[in-house]
Amino acid sequence: MRNIIGTRTTGTFMPILLAMAFLRTEFGPGLLLFIIVVSAGVTIRAYLSKLELLLVPRISPVVVVVIGIMVAFGIMGAKFDLYIIQSITLFPTIILAWTVKRLSVRWEEDSANEVSIQTLVSLVVAIMAYMAMGDPTLRYLVFVFPELLLVALAAILALANTQATVSPN
């Protein structure tokens, strides 16, 4: 999406990492957890930025909050015996923490509007990747014929080579 269409996402790999996390969880609860954690993390990071702390002391509380939210969902899921809530605790913590960190830095460098647009576009791309990765036919083809990954690699390299030879004039 980024190379062909030119979408502005939050990083090159974040939408794919999100899609993989959505595959591990169920889509709806995973998306809800993503929104809750990112909102809380960006809010806390914005507050900590006002304290003019160094980078690591600003990031550490964000990681703690992300882990705390994940633990809270896990406890609620176990207490009420709700598998759907327990499944979202499998959402990779590092992806959420990294995403919140990246969005917070972008928020400080650019603007809230730009970060919101990039996050929304990243979610749309992640949803599209989630649907592609979840497609049974595509899964079958990739696992039964892993050499198809070489075809994908060739297409990526061809696109990259084409973009590199196009002059900006």
N, C-alpha and C. Protein backbone atom coordinates (compact mmCIF):
# COMPACT_ATOMS: atom_id res chain seq x y z
N MET A 1 0.83 -1.20 0.00
CA MET A 1 0.00 0.00 0.00
C MET A 1 0.87 1.26 0.00
N ARG A 2 1.94 1.20 0.77
CA ARG A 2 2.79 2.38 0.86
C ARG A 2 3.60 2.58 -0.42
N ASN A 3 4.11 1.48 -0.98
CA ASN A 3 4.94 1.59 -2.18
C ASN A 3 4.14 1.84 -3.45
N ILE A 4 3.00 1.22 -3.56
CA ILE A 4 2.22 1.32 -4.79
C ILE A 4 1.28 2.52 -4.77
N ILE A 5 0.52 2.66 -3.69
CA ILE A 5 -0.48 3.71 -3.62
C ILE A 5 0.08 4.97 -2.97
N GLY A 6 1.03 4.79 -2.05
CA GLY A 6 1.63 5.93 -1.39
C GLY A 6 0.90 6.36 -0.13
N THR A 7 0.23 5.43 0.52
CA THR A 7 -0.47 5.77 1.75
C THR A 7 0.53 6.17 2.83
N ARG A 8 0.14 7.10 3.65
CA ARG A 8 0.98 7.53 4.77
C ARG A 8 0.57 6.76 6.00
N THR A 9 1.37 5.77 6.32
CA THR A 9 1.09 4.98 7.51
C THR A 9 2.11 5.33 8.59
N THR A 10 1.85 4.87 9.78
CA THR A 10 2.76 5.09 10.88
C THR A 10 3.84 4.03 10.81
N GLY A 11 4.83 4.27 10.00
CA GLY A 11 5.91 3.30 9.82
C GLY A 11 5.59 2.33 8.70
N THR A 12 6.61 1.64 8.27
CA THR A 12 6.45 0.71 7.16
C THR A 12 5.79 -0.59 7.60
N PHE A 13 6.14 -1.07 8.78
CA PHE A 13 5.70 -2.40 9.18
C PHE A 13 4.58 -2.41 10.21
N MET A 14 4.22 -1.27 10.77
CA MET A 14 3.20 -1.27 11.81
C MET A 14 1.87 -1.88 11.36
N PRO A 15 1.36 -1.54 10.18
CA PRO A 15 0.08 -2.16 9.78
C PRO A 15 0.16 -3.70 9.69
N ILE A 16 1.29 -4.22 9.25
CA ILE A 16 1.43 -5.68 9.15
C ILE A 16 1.53 -6.30 10.53
N LEU A 17 2.27 -5.64 11.43
CA LEU A 17 2.35 -6.15 12.80
C LEU A 17 0.98 -6.15 13.46
N LEU A 18 0.21 -5.09 13.22
CA LEU A 18 -1.15 -5.04 13.76
C LEU A 18 -2.01 -6.16 13.18
N ALA A 19 -1.90 -6.36 11.88
CA ALA A 19 -2.69 -7.42 11.24
C ALA A 19 -2.34 -8.78 11.84
N MET A 20 -1.06 -9.01 12.08
CA MET A 20 -0.65 -10.28 12.68
C MET A 20 -1.17 -10.41 14.10
N ALA A 21 -1.19 -9.31 14.83
CA ALA A 21 -1.75 -9.33 16.18
C ALA A 21 -3.26 -9.59 16.13
N PHE A 22 -3.96 -8.98 15.16
CA PHE A 22 -5.39 -9.22 15.01
C PHE A 22 -5.67 -10.67 14.67
N LEU A 23 -4.78 -11.31 13.94
CA LEU A 23 -4.95 -12.74 13.65
C LEU A 23 -4.83 -13.57 14.92
N ARG A 24 -3.97 -13.14 15.82
CA ARG A 24 -3.76 -13.87 17.08
C ARG A 24 -4.94 -13.69 18.01
N THR A 25 -5.50 -12.51 18.02
CA THR A 25 -6.69 -12.24 18.82
C THR A 25 -7.89 -12.39 17.89
N GLU A 26 -9.03 -12.02 18.33
CA GLU A 26 -10.15 -11.89 17.41
C GLU A 26 -10.18 -10.43 16.99
N PHE A 27 -10.65 -10.16 15.79
CA PHE A 27 -10.52 -8.82 15.22
C PHE A 27 -11.19 -7.74 16.06
N GLY A 28 -12.46 -7.89 16.37
CA GLY A 28 -13.19 -6.85 17.11
C GLY A 28 -12.58 -6.53 18.45
N PRO A 29 -12.38 -7.53 19.31
CA PRO A 29 -11.75 -7.24 20.60
C PRO A 29 -10.32 -6.71 20.47
N GLY A 30 -9.58 -7.22 19.49
CA GLY A 30 -8.22 -6.73 19.28
C GLY A 30 -8.21 -5.27 18.86
N LEU A 31 -9.13 -4.89 18.00
CA LEU A 31 -9.24 -3.49 17.57
C LEU A 31 -9.62 -2.60 18.74
N LEU A 32 -10.57 -3.06 19.56
CA LEU A 32 -10.99 -2.29 20.73
C LEU A 32 -9.82 -2.10 21.69
N LEU A 33 -9.08 -3.17 21.93
CA LEU A 33 -7.92 -3.07 22.82
C LEU A 33 -6.89 -2.10 22.25
N PHE A 34 -6.65 -2.18 20.96
CA PHE A 34 -5.70 -1.28 20.31
C PHE A 34 -6.10 0.17 20.54
N ILE A 35 -7.35 0.48 20.32
CA ILE A 35 -7.83 1.86 20.48
C ILE A 35 -7.70 2.31 21.93
N ILE A 36 -8.07 1.46 22.88
CA ILE A 36 -7.97 1.82 24.30
C ILE A 36 -6.53 2.06 24.70
N VAL A 37 -5.67 1.12 24.35
CA VAL A 37 -4.26 1.22 24.78
C VAL A 37 -3.56 2.40 24.12
N VAL A 38 -3.78 2.59 22.82
CA VAL A 38 -3.11 3.69 22.13
C VAL A 38 -3.61 5.03 22.67
N SER A 39 -4.90 5.15 22.91
CA SER A 39 -5.44 6.40 23.45
C SER A 39 -4.86 6.69 24.83
N ALA A 40 -4.85 5.67 25.69
CA ALA A 40 -4.29 5.86 27.04
C ALA A 40 -2.80 6.17 26.97
N GLY A 41 -2.08 5.44 26.14
CA GLY A 41 -0.64 5.64 26.03
C GLY A 41 -0.27 7.01 25.50
N VAL A 42 -0.95 7.46 24.46
CA VAL A 42 -0.64 8.79 23.89
C VAL A 42 -1.00 9.88 24.89
N THR A 43 -2.09 9.70 25.62
CA THR A 43 -2.48 10.68 26.64
C THR A 43 -1.43 10.77 27.75
N ILE A 44 -0.99 9.62 28.22
CA ILE A 44 0.02 9.61 29.28
C ILE A 44 1.34 10.18 28.77
N ARG A 45 1.70 9.81 27.56
CA ARG A 45 2.96 10.32 27.00
C ARG A 45 2.89 11.84 26.82
N ALA A 46 1.74 12.36 26.42
CA ALA A 46 1.60 13.81 26.28
C ALA A 46 1.75 14.50 27.63
N TYR A 47 1.17 13.90 28.66
CA TYR A 47 1.30 14.46 30.01
C TYR A 47 2.76 14.44 30.46
N LEU A 48 3.44 13.32 30.23
CA LEU A 48 4.83 13.19 30.64
C LEU A 48 5.75 14.12 29.86
N SER A 49 5.38 14.46 28.65
CA SER A 49 6.19 15.38 27.84
C SER A 49 6.24 16.76 28.49
N LYS A 50 5.16 17.14 29.17
CA LYS A 50 5.13 18.43 29.85
C LYS A 50 6.13 18.48 31.02
N LEU A 51 6.50 17.31 31.52
CA LEU A 51 7.46 17.26 32.62
C LEU A 51 8.90 17.38 32.14
N GLU A 52 9.09 17.42 30.82
CA GLU A 52 10.39 17.56 30.19
C GLU A 52 11.38 16.48 30.65
N LEU A 53 10.91 15.25 30.67
CA LEU A 53 11.76 14.12 31.03
C LEU A 53 12.55 13.66 29.81
N LEU A 54 13.60 12.92 30.05
CA LEU A 54 14.34 12.33 28.95
C LEU A 54 13.50 11.24 28.29
N LEU A 55 13.96 10.75 27.14
CA LEU A 55 13.17 9.80 26.36
C LEU A 55 12.82 8.53 27.12
N VAL A 56 13.79 7.87 27.71
CA VAL A 56 13.53 6.59 28.39
C VAL A 56 12.58 6.77 29.57
N PRO A 57 12.77 7.80 30.43
CA PRO A 57 11.79 7.98 31.51
C PRO A 57 10.38 8.32 31.02
N ARG A 58 10.26 8.85 29.80
CA ARG A 58 8.92 9.10 29.25
C ARG A 58 8.30 7.83 28.70
N ILE A 59 9.14 6.92 28.15
CA ILE A 59 8.62 5.70 27.52
C ILE A 59 8.28 4.65 28.56
N SER A 60 9.08 4.54 29.60
CA SER A 60 8.88 3.49 30.60
C SER A 60 7.48 3.50 31.21
N PRO A 61 6.95 4.65 31.65
CA PRO A 61 5.58 4.63 32.18
C PRO A 61 4.54 4.20 31.13
N VAL A 62 4.80 4.53 29.89
CA VAL A 62 3.87 4.12 28.82
C VAL A 62 3.84 2.60 28.71
N VAL A 63 5.01 1.97 28.75
CA VAL A 63 5.08 0.51 28.69
C VAL A 63 4.37 -0.09 29.90
N VAL A 64 4.56 0.50 31.08
CA VAL A 64 3.90 0.01 32.28
C VAL A 64 2.38 0.10 32.14
N VAL A 65 1.89 1.22 31.59
CA VAL A 65 0.44 1.38 31.40
C VAL A 65 -0.08 0.35 30.40
N VAL A 66 0.65 0.13 29.31
CA VAL A 66 0.24 -0.87 28.32
C VAL A 66 0.14 -2.24 28.99
N ILE A 67 1.15 -2.61 29.74
CA ILE A 67 1.13 -3.91 30.43
C ILE A 67 0.00 -3.96 31.44
N GLY A 68 -0.22 -2.85 32.16
CA GLY A 68 -1.32 -2.81 33.14
C GLY A 68 -2.68 -3.01 32.50
N ILE A 69 -2.90 -2.39 31.36
CA ILE A 69 -4.18 -2.57 30.66
C ILE A 69 -4.34 -4.02 30.21
N MET A 70 -3.25 -4.60 29.70
CA MET A 70 -3.31 -6.00 29.26
C MET A 70 -3.61 -6.93 30.44
N VAL A 71 -2.98 -6.68 31.58
CA VAL A 71 -3.22 -7.48 32.78
C VAL A 71 -4.67 -7.32 33.24
N ALA A 72 -5.17 -6.10 33.23
CA ALA A 72 -6.56 -5.85 33.65
C ALA A 72 -7.54 -6.63 32.77
N PHE A 73 -7.31 -6.62 31.46
CA PHE A 73 -8.19 -7.39 30.57
C PHE A 73 -8.07 -8.88 30.86
N GLY A 74 -6.87 -9.36 31.12
CA GLY A 74 -6.67 -10.77 31.43
C GLY A 74 -7.39 -11.17 32.71
N ILE A 75 -7.31 -10.31 33.73
CA ILE A 75 -7.99 -10.60 35.00
C ILE A 75 -9.50 -10.59 34.81
N MET A 76 -10.01 -9.60 34.08
CA MET A 76 -11.46 -9.55 33.83
C MET A 76 -11.92 -10.79 33.07
N GLY A 77 -11.15 -11.18 32.06
CA GLY A 77 -11.51 -12.36 31.28
C GLY A 77 -11.52 -13.61 32.12
N ALA A 78 -10.53 -13.76 33.00
CA ALA A 78 -10.47 -14.95 33.86
C ALA A 78 -11.58 -14.92 34.91
N LYS A 79 -11.82 -13.75 35.49
CA LYS A 79 -12.83 -13.63 36.55
C LYS A 79 -14.24 -13.95 36.03
N PHE A 80 -14.54 -13.45 34.84
CA PHE A 80 -15.88 -13.65 34.30
C PHE A 80 -15.92 -14.81 33.30
N ASP A 81 -14.81 -15.54 33.18
CA ASP A 81 -14.71 -16.70 32.29
C ASP A 81 -15.15 -16.35 30.86
N LEU A 82 -14.60 -15.26 30.37
CA LEU A 82 -14.90 -14.81 29.01
C LEU A 82 -13.67 -15.02 28.14
N TYR A 83 -13.76 -16.00 27.26
CA TYR A 83 -12.62 -16.32 26.41
C TYR A 83 -12.25 -15.15 25.50
N ILE A 84 -13.27 -14.43 25.02
CA ILE A 84 -13.00 -13.34 24.08
C ILE A 84 -12.15 -12.26 24.73
N ILE A 85 -12.37 -11.99 26.02
CA ILE A 85 -11.54 -11.00 26.71
C ILE A 85 -10.17 -11.59 27.01
N GLN A 86 -10.11 -12.87 27.35
CA GLN A 86 -8.82 -13.49 27.60
C GLN A 86 -7.97 -13.53 26.33
N SER A 87 -8.61 -13.69 25.17
CA SER A 87 -7.85 -13.81 23.93
C SER A 87 -7.12 -12.52 23.57
N ILE A 88 -7.68 -11.37 23.95
CA ILE A 88 -7.01 -10.12 23.58
C ILE A 88 -5.77 -9.86 24.41
N THR A 89 -5.61 -10.58 25.50
CA THR A 89 -4.37 -10.42 26.25
C THR A 89 -3.20 -11.03 25.49
N LEU A 90 -3.49 -11.76 24.44
CA LEU A 90 -2.43 -12.31 23.61
C LEU A 90 -1.90 -11.27 22.62
N PHE A 91 -2.57 -10.13 22.54
CA PHE A 91 -2.12 -9.05 21.66
C PHE A 91 -0.71 -8.69 22.08
N PRO A 92 0.22 -8.77 21.18
CA PRO A 92 1.62 -8.56 21.56
C PRO A 92 1.86 -7.19 22.21
N THR A 93 2.30 -7.23 23.43
CA THR A 93 2.53 -6.02 24.21
C THR A 93 3.56 -5.12 23.55
N ILE A 94 4.59 -5.71 23.01
CA ILE A 94 5.65 -4.90 22.43
C ILE A 94 5.15 -4.10 21.22
N ILE A 95 4.22 -4.68 20.46
CA ILE A 95 3.65 -3.96 19.31
C ILE A 95 2.88 -2.74 19.80
N LEU A 96 2.09 -2.93 20.85
CA LEU A 96 1.33 -1.81 21.38
C LEU A 96 2.25 -0.74 21.98
N ALA A 97 3.23 -1.16 22.75
CA ALA A 97 4.14 -0.18 23.36
C ALA A 97 4.92 0.57 22.29
N TRP A 98 5.40 -0.14 21.30
CA TRP A 98 6.16 0.48 20.22
C TRP A 98 5.27 1.45 19.43
N THR A 99 4.04 1.05 19.18
CA THR A 99 3.10 1.89 18.44
C THR A 99 2.82 3.18 19.21
N VAL A 100 2.55 3.05 20.50
CA VAL A 100 2.28 4.23 21.32
C VAL A 100 3.50 5.15 21.33
N LYS A 101 4.68 4.60 21.48
CA LYS A 101 5.91 5.40 21.47
C LYS A 101 6.05 6.15 20.16
N ARG A 102 5.87 5.43 19.06
CA ARG A 102 6.03 6.04 17.74
C ARG A 102 4.98 7.14 17.51
N LEU A 103 3.75 6.87 17.89
CA LEU A 103 2.69 7.88 17.72
C LEU A 103 2.95 9.10 18.58
N SER A 104 3.43 8.87 19.79
CA SER A 104 3.71 9.99 20.69
C SER A 104 4.82 10.88 20.14
N VAL A 105 5.87 10.27 19.63
CA VAL A 105 6.97 11.05 19.05
C VAL A 105 6.48 11.83 17.84
N ARG A 106 5.69 11.16 17.00
CA ARG A 106 5.14 11.85 15.82
C ARG A 106 4.23 13.00 16.23
N TRP A 107 3.48 12.80 17.32
CA TRP A 107 2.57 13.83 17.83
C TRP A 107 3.36 15.07 18.19
N GLU A 108 4.51 14.87 18.84
CA GLU A 108 5.34 16.00 19.24
C GLU A 108 6.00 16.66 18.03
N GLU A 109 6.40 15.87 17.03
CA GLU A 109 7.11 16.40 15.88
C GLU A 109 6.17 17.03 14.86
N ASP A 110 5.04 16.39 14.62
CA ASP A 110 4.12 16.87 13.59
C ASP A 110 2.94 17.56 14.26
N SER A 111 1.79 16.92 14.22
CA SER A 111 0.60 17.48 14.86
C SER A 111 -0.36 16.35 15.19
N ALA A 112 -1.32 16.65 16.02
CA ALA A 112 -2.32 15.66 16.39
C ALA A 112 -3.11 15.22 15.16
N ASN A 113 -3.40 16.15 14.27
CA ASN A 113 -4.16 15.84 13.06
C ASN A 113 -3.40 14.86 12.17
N GLU A 114 -2.11 15.11 11.96
CA GLU A 114 -1.29 14.24 11.12
C GLU A 114 -1.18 12.84 11.72
N VAL A 115 -1.00 12.76 13.03
CA VAL A 115 -0.91 11.46 13.71
C VAL A 115 -2.24 10.72 13.61
N SER A 116 -3.33 11.44 13.75
CA SER A 116 -4.65 10.81 13.64
C SER A 116 -4.87 10.22 12.24
N ILE A 117 -4.49 10.98 11.22
CA ILE A 117 -4.64 10.51 9.84
C ILE A 117 -3.77 9.27 9.61
N GLN A 118 -2.51 9.34 10.04
CA GLN A 118 -1.61 8.21 9.83
C GLN A 118 -2.07 6.98 10.59
N THR A 119 -2.60 7.17 11.79
CA THR A 119 -3.09 6.04 12.58
C THR A 119 -4.31 5.42 11.91
N LEU A 120 -5.21 6.24 11.44
CA LEU A 120 -6.41 5.73 10.76
C LEU A 120 -6.03 4.98 9.49
N VAL A 121 -5.13 5.55 8.69
CA VAL A 121 -4.68 4.88 7.46
C VAL A 121 -3.97 3.58 7.81
N SER A 122 -3.15 3.59 8.87
CA SER A 122 -2.46 2.37 9.30
C SER A 122 -3.47 1.30 9.70
N LEU A 123 -4.53 1.69 10.37
CA LEU A 123 -5.56 0.72 10.76
C LEU A 123 -6.28 0.15 9.54
N VAL A 124 -6.56 1.00 8.57
CA VAL A 124 -7.21 0.52 7.34
C VAL A 124 -6.31 -0.48 6.61
N VAL A 125 -5.03 -0.14 6.49
CA VAL A 125 -4.07 -1.06 5.85
C VAL A 125 -3.96 -2.34 6.66
N ALA A 126 -3.93 -2.23 7.99
CA ALA A 126 -3.86 -3.42 8.85
C ALA A 126 -5.08 -4.30 8.67
N ILE A 127 -6.24 -3.70 8.54
CA ILE A 127 -7.47 -4.47 8.33
C ILE A 127 -7.42 -5.19 6.98
N MET A 128 -6.93 -4.50 5.96
CA MET A 128 -6.81 -5.14 4.64
C MET A 128 -5.81 -6.30 4.69
N ALA A 129 -4.68 -6.10 5.39
CA ALA A 129 -3.69 -7.17 5.53
C ALA A 129 -4.25 -8.32 6.35
N TYR A 130 -5.01 -7.99 7.39
CA TYR A 130 -5.66 -9.01 8.22
C TYR A 130 -6.59 -9.88 7.38
N MET A 131 -7.37 -9.23 6.53
CA MET A 131 -8.30 -9.99 5.68
C MET A 131 -7.53 -10.86 4.70
N ALA A 132 -6.44 -10.34 4.13
CA ALA A 132 -5.64 -11.13 3.19
C ALA A 132 -4.98 -12.30 3.90
N MET A 133 -4.40 -12.04 5.08
CA MET A 133 -3.71 -13.11 5.82
C MET A 133 -4.69 -14.15 6.35
N GLY A 134 -5.92 -13.74 6.59
CA GLY A 134 -6.92 -14.67 7.11
C GLY A 134 -7.64 -15.45 6.02
N ASP A 135 -7.40 -15.11 4.76
CA ASP A 135 -8.06 -15.79 3.65
C ASP A 135 -7.58 -17.24 3.58
N PRO A 136 -8.50 -18.20 3.68
CA PRO A 136 -8.09 -19.61 3.69
C PRO A 136 -7.36 -20.04 2.41
N THR A 137 -7.77 -19.53 1.27
CA THR A 137 -7.12 -19.91 0.02
C THR A 137 -5.68 -19.41 -0.02
N LEU A 138 -5.50 -18.17 0.36
CA LEU A 138 -4.15 -17.60 0.38
C LEU A 138 -3.27 -18.32 1.40
N ARG A 139 -3.82 -18.63 2.56
CA ARG A 139 -3.06 -19.38 3.57
C ARG A 139 -2.65 -20.74 3.02
N TYR A 140 -3.58 -21.40 2.39
CA TYR A 140 -3.28 -22.71 1.81
C TYR A 140 -2.14 -22.61 0.80
N LEU A 141 -2.26 -21.66 -0.11
CA LEU A 141 -1.24 -21.51 -1.16
C LEU A 141 0.14 -21.21 -0.57
N VAL A 142 0.19 -20.35 0.41
CA VAL A 142 1.49 -19.97 0.98
C VAL A 142 2.10 -21.12 1.78
N PHE A 143 1.28 -21.87 2.51
CA PHE A 143 1.84 -22.96 3.31
C PHE A 143 2.14 -24.20 2.49
N VAL A 144 1.35 -24.46 1.48
CA VAL A 144 1.60 -25.64 0.65
C VAL A 144 2.67 -25.35 -0.40
N PHE A 145 2.69 -24.14 -0.90
CA PHE A 145 3.67 -23.74 -1.92
C PHE A 145 4.47 -22.54 -1.41
N PRO A 146 5.38 -22.74 -0.45
CA PRO A 146 6.12 -21.61 0.12
C PRO A 146 7.00 -20.89 -0.90
N GLU A 147 7.27 -21.54 -2.03
CA GLU A 147 8.05 -20.87 -3.06
C GLU A 147 7.32 -19.67 -3.65
N LEU A 148 6.03 -19.56 -3.41
CA LEU A 148 5.28 -18.38 -3.85
C LEU A 148 5.78 -17.11 -3.15
N LEU A 149 6.41 -17.28 -1.98
CA LEU A 149 7.00 -16.13 -1.31
C LEU A 149 8.12 -15.53 -2.15
N LEU A 150 8.79 -16.38 -2.94
CA LEU A 150 9.83 -15.87 -3.84
C LEU A 150 9.22 -15.01 -4.95
N VAL A 151 8.02 -15.37 -5.39
CA VAL A 151 7.32 -14.56 -6.38
C VAL A 151 6.98 -13.19 -5.77
N ALA A 152 6.49 -13.20 -4.52
CA ALA A 152 6.20 -11.94 -3.84
C ALA A 152 7.47 -11.11 -3.67
N LEU A 153 8.56 -11.77 -3.32
CA LEU A 153 9.84 -11.07 -3.19
C LEU A 153 10.27 -10.45 -4.51
N ALA A 154 10.12 -11.19 -5.60
CA ALA A 154 10.48 -10.67 -6.92
C ALA A 154 9.62 -9.46 -7.28
N ALA A 155 8.33 -9.52 -6.97
CA ALA A 155 7.44 -8.39 -7.27
C ALA A 155 7.84 -7.16 -6.45
N ILE A 156 8.18 -7.36 -5.19
CA ILE A 156 8.61 -6.24 -4.34
C ILE A 156 9.89 -5.62 -4.87
N LEU A 157 10.85 -6.47 -5.24
CA LEU A 157 12.11 -5.96 -5.78
C LEU A 157 11.90 -5.24 -7.11
N ALA A 158 11.00 -5.77 -7.94
CA ALA A 158 10.71 -5.12 -9.21
C ALA A 158 10.08 -3.74 -8.98
N LEU A 159 9.16 -3.66 -8.02
CA LEU A 159 8.54 -2.37 -7.70
C LEU A 159 9.58 -1.40 -7.15
N ALA A 160 10.44 -1.90 -6.29
CA ALA A 160 11.47 -1.03 -5.70
C ALA A 160 12.43 -0.54 -6.77
N ASN A 161 12.79 -1.41 -7.70
CA ASN A 161 13.70 -1.04 -8.78
C ASN A 161 13.04 -0.01 -9.70
N THR A 162 11.76 -0.18 -9.97
CA THR A 162 11.03 0.77 -10.81
C THR A 162 10.97 2.13 -10.15
N GLN A 163 10.71 2.15 -8.85
CA GLN A 163 10.62 3.43 -8.12
C GLN A 163 11.99 4.10 -8.04
N ALA A 164 13.05 3.32 -7.96
CA ALA A 164 14.39 3.89 -7.84
C ALA A 164 14.85 4.51 -9.17
N THR A 165 14.35 3.99 -10.29
CA THR A 165 14.79 4.49 -11.59
C THR A 165 13.97 5.68 -12.07
N VAL A 166 12.83 5.93 -11.45
CA VAL A 166 12.00 7.07 -11.82
C VAL A 166 12.65 8.34 -11.29
N SER A 167 12.91 9.27 -12.17
CA SER A 167 13.57 10.50 -11.73
C SER A 167 12.54 11.46 -11.16
N PRO A 168 12.94 12.27 -10.19
CA PRO A 168 11.99 13.22 -9.58
C PRO A 168 11.63 14.37 -10.49
N ASN A 169 12.33 14.55 -11.59
CA ASN A 169 12.03 15.66 -12.50
C ASN A 169 10.90 15.27 -13.35
